Amino acid sequence: MNRKYIEEFSLEGKVIVVTGGTGVLGHAFIKGIAAAGATVAVLGRNEQADRRATGS
C-alpha cells in the first residue's frame, strides 16, 4: 500500500467494524484499514472464517 496515502488518511486510534470481512473484498478492506493504523473488528456469519481473516 502506498505510504503517502496511509500517512494522509491515518486511522490511528480508531476502531473500525467490518461486516462481511471474510469475503474477498472484506479481507482487502481489513488489510487496508489495519495498515492505516486502525483496530479492526470483523463480523461475519462464520466464526472460523472470521478468525482466519484476522489471523487470530
N, C-alpha and C. Protein backbone atom coordinates (compact mmCIF):
# COMPACT_ATOMS: atom_id res chain seq x y z
N MET A 1 0.84 -1.18 0.00
CA MET A 1 0.00 0.00 0.00
C MET A 1 0.89 1.24 0.00
N ASN A 2 0.47 2.25 -0.68
CA ASN A 2 1.25 3.47 -0.82
C ASN A 2 1.34 4.22 0.52
N ARG A 3 2.56 4.40 1.02
CA ARG A 3 2.80 5.07 2.32
C ARG A 3 2.22 6.47 2.36
N LYS A 4 2.26 7.19 1.24
CA LYS A 4 1.74 8.57 1.19
C LYS A 4 0.27 8.60 1.62
N TYR A 5 -0.52 7.69 1.09
CA TYR A 5 -1.94 7.66 1.41
C TYR A 5 -2.18 7.21 2.85
N ILE A 6 -1.37 6.30 3.31
CA ILE A 6 -1.50 5.84 4.70
C ILE A 6 -1.29 7.00 5.65
N GLU A 7 -0.28 7.81 5.39
CA GLU A 7 0.00 8.96 6.25
C GLU A 7 -1.09 10.02 6.15
N GLU A 8 -1.60 10.28 4.97
CA GLU A 8 -2.64 11.30 4.78
C GLU A 8 -3.97 10.90 5.39
N PHE A 9 -4.28 9.63 5.34
CA PHE A 9 -5.57 9.13 5.82
C PHE A 9 -5.40 8.21 7.02
N SER A 10 -4.61 8.66 7.98
CA SER A 10 -4.33 7.85 9.16
C SER A 10 -5.62 7.54 9.93
N LEU A 11 -5.74 6.30 10.36
CA LEU A 11 -6.86 5.87 11.19
C LEU A 11 -6.36 5.50 12.59
N GLU A 12 -5.18 5.97 12.92
CA GLU A 12 -4.56 5.69 14.22
C GLU A 12 -5.53 6.06 15.34
N GLY A 13 -5.72 5.12 16.28
CA GLY A 13 -6.58 5.36 17.43
C GLY A 13 -8.06 5.11 17.15
N LYS A 14 -8.41 4.72 15.94
CA LYS A 14 -9.82 4.46 15.59
C LYS A 14 -10.10 2.97 15.65
N VAL A 15 -11.35 2.62 15.91
CA VAL A 15 -11.81 1.23 15.85
C VAL A 15 -12.82 1.15 14.71
N ILE A 16 -12.57 0.26 13.77
CA ILE A 16 -13.42 0.10 12.59
C ILE A 16 -14.04 -1.29 12.62
N VAL A 17 -15.36 -1.36 12.42
CA VAL A 17 -16.07 -2.64 12.34
C VAL A 17 -16.33 -2.94 10.87
N VAL A 18 -15.87 -4.11 10.44
CA VAL A 18 -16.06 -4.53 9.05
C VAL A 18 -17.03 -5.70 9.04
N THR A 19 -18.20 -5.50 8.43
CA THR A 19 -19.14 -6.61 8.28
C THR A 19 -18.84 -7.28 6.94
N GLY A 20 -18.96 -8.59 6.92
CA GLY A 20 -18.63 -9.31 5.70
C GLY A 20 -17.13 -9.34 5.45
N GLY A 21 -16.37 -9.26 6.51
CA GLY A 21 -14.92 -9.17 6.40
C GLY A 21 -14.22 -10.45 5.97
N THR A 22 -14.96 -11.53 5.87
CA THR A 22 -14.34 -12.79 5.50
C THR A 22 -14.34 -13.02 3.99
N GLY A 23 -15.03 -12.17 3.25
CA GLY A 23 -15.06 -12.29 1.79
C GLY A 23 -13.81 -11.65 1.17
N VAL A 24 -13.72 -11.74 -0.13
CA VAL A 24 -12.55 -11.23 -0.84
C VAL A 24 -12.41 -9.72 -0.64
N LEU A 25 -13.47 -8.96 -0.86
CA LEU A 25 -13.40 -7.51 -0.69
C LEU A 25 -13.22 -7.14 0.78
N GLY A 26 -13.96 -7.81 1.65
CA GLY A 26 -13.84 -7.53 3.08
C GLY A 26 -12.43 -7.73 3.58
N HIS A 27 -11.79 -8.79 3.12
CA HIS A 27 -10.41 -9.07 3.54
C HIS A 27 -9.48 -7.95 3.06
N ALA A 28 -9.69 -7.46 1.86
CA ALA A 28 -8.88 -6.34 1.34
C ALA A 28 -9.11 -5.09 2.18
N PHE A 29 -10.36 -4.84 2.57
CA PHE A 29 -10.66 -3.70 3.43
C PHE A 29 -9.94 -3.81 4.76
N ILE A 30 -9.97 -5.01 5.35
CA ILE A 30 -9.32 -5.25 6.64
C ILE A 30 -7.83 -4.91 6.54
N LYS A 31 -7.18 -5.40 5.51
CA LYS A 31 -5.75 -5.15 5.34
C LYS A 31 -5.45 -3.66 5.21
N GLY A 32 -6.23 -2.95 4.40
CA GLY A 32 -6.01 -1.52 4.20
C GLY A 32 -6.28 -0.71 5.45
N ILE A 33 -7.34 -1.03 6.14
CA ILE A 33 -7.70 -0.31 7.37
C ILE A 33 -6.65 -0.54 8.44
N ALA A 34 -6.21 -1.78 8.59
CA ALA A 34 -5.17 -2.08 9.58
C ALA A 34 -3.86 -1.38 9.22
N ALA A 35 -3.53 -1.34 7.93
CA ALA A 35 -2.30 -0.67 7.51
C ALA A 35 -2.35 0.83 7.81
N ALA A 36 -3.57 1.40 7.86
CA ALA A 36 -3.73 2.82 8.17
C ALA A 36 -3.73 3.07 9.68
N GLY A 37 -3.58 2.00 10.47
CA GLY A 37 -3.41 2.17 11.91
C GLY A 37 -4.61 1.90 12.78
N ALA A 38 -5.73 1.51 12.20
CA ALA A 38 -6.94 1.27 12.99
C ALA A 38 -6.93 -0.11 13.63
N THR A 39 -7.69 -0.22 14.69
CA THR A 39 -8.02 -1.52 15.26
C THR A 39 -9.24 -2.00 14.49
N VAL A 40 -9.22 -3.26 14.03
CA VAL A 40 -10.29 -3.76 13.18
C VAL A 40 -11.06 -4.86 13.89
N ALA A 41 -12.39 -4.72 13.90
CA ALA A 41 -13.28 -5.77 14.40
C ALA A 41 -14.00 -6.35 13.18
N VAL A 42 -13.99 -7.68 13.06
CA VAL A 42 -14.59 -8.34 11.91
C VAL A 42 -15.85 -9.07 12.33
N LEU A 43 -16.93 -8.84 11.61
CA LEU A 43 -18.18 -9.54 11.85
C LEU A 43 -18.54 -10.34 10.61
N GLY A 44 -18.87 -11.58 10.82
CA GLY A 44 -19.27 -12.44 9.72
C GLY A 44 -20.17 -13.54 10.23
N ARG A 45 -20.62 -14.39 9.34
CA ARG A 45 -21.53 -15.47 9.73
C ARG A 45 -20.80 -16.73 10.15
N ASN A 46 -19.49 -16.79 9.92
CA ASN A 46 -18.74 -18.00 10.21
C ASN A 46 -17.56 -17.65 11.11
N GLU A 47 -17.59 -18.11 12.36
CA GLU A 47 -16.56 -17.75 13.33
C GLU A 47 -15.16 -18.19 12.88
N GLN A 48 -15.05 -19.37 12.30
CA GLN A 48 -13.73 -19.84 11.84
C GLN A 48 -13.19 -18.94 10.73
N ALA A 49 -14.03 -18.53 9.81
CA ALA A 49 -13.60 -17.64 8.74
C ALA A 49 -13.22 -16.27 9.30
N ASP A 50 -13.95 -15.81 10.32
CA ASP A 50 -13.59 -14.55 10.99
C ASP A 50 -12.19 -14.63 11.57
N ARG A 51 -11.90 -15.73 12.22
CA ARG A 51 -10.57 -15.91 12.84
C ARG A 51 -9.48 -15.96 11.77
N ARG A 52 -9.75 -16.65 10.66
CA ARG A 52 -8.75 -16.70 9.58
C ARG A 52 -8.50 -15.31 9.01
N ALA A 53 -9.56 -14.52 8.86
CA ALA A 53 -9.44 -13.19 8.27
C ALA A 53 -8.59 -12.27 9.14
N THR A 54 -8.66 -12.46 10.45
CA THR A 54 -7.92 -11.57 11.36
C THR A 54 -6.63 -12.19 11.84
N GLY A 55 -6.38 -13.46 11.50
CA GLY A 55 -5.15 -14.12 11.94
C GLY A 55 -5.15 -14.45 13.42
N SER A 56 -6.34 -14.53 14.04
CA SER A 56 -6.38 -14.86 15.47
C SER A 56 -6.95 -16.24 15.72
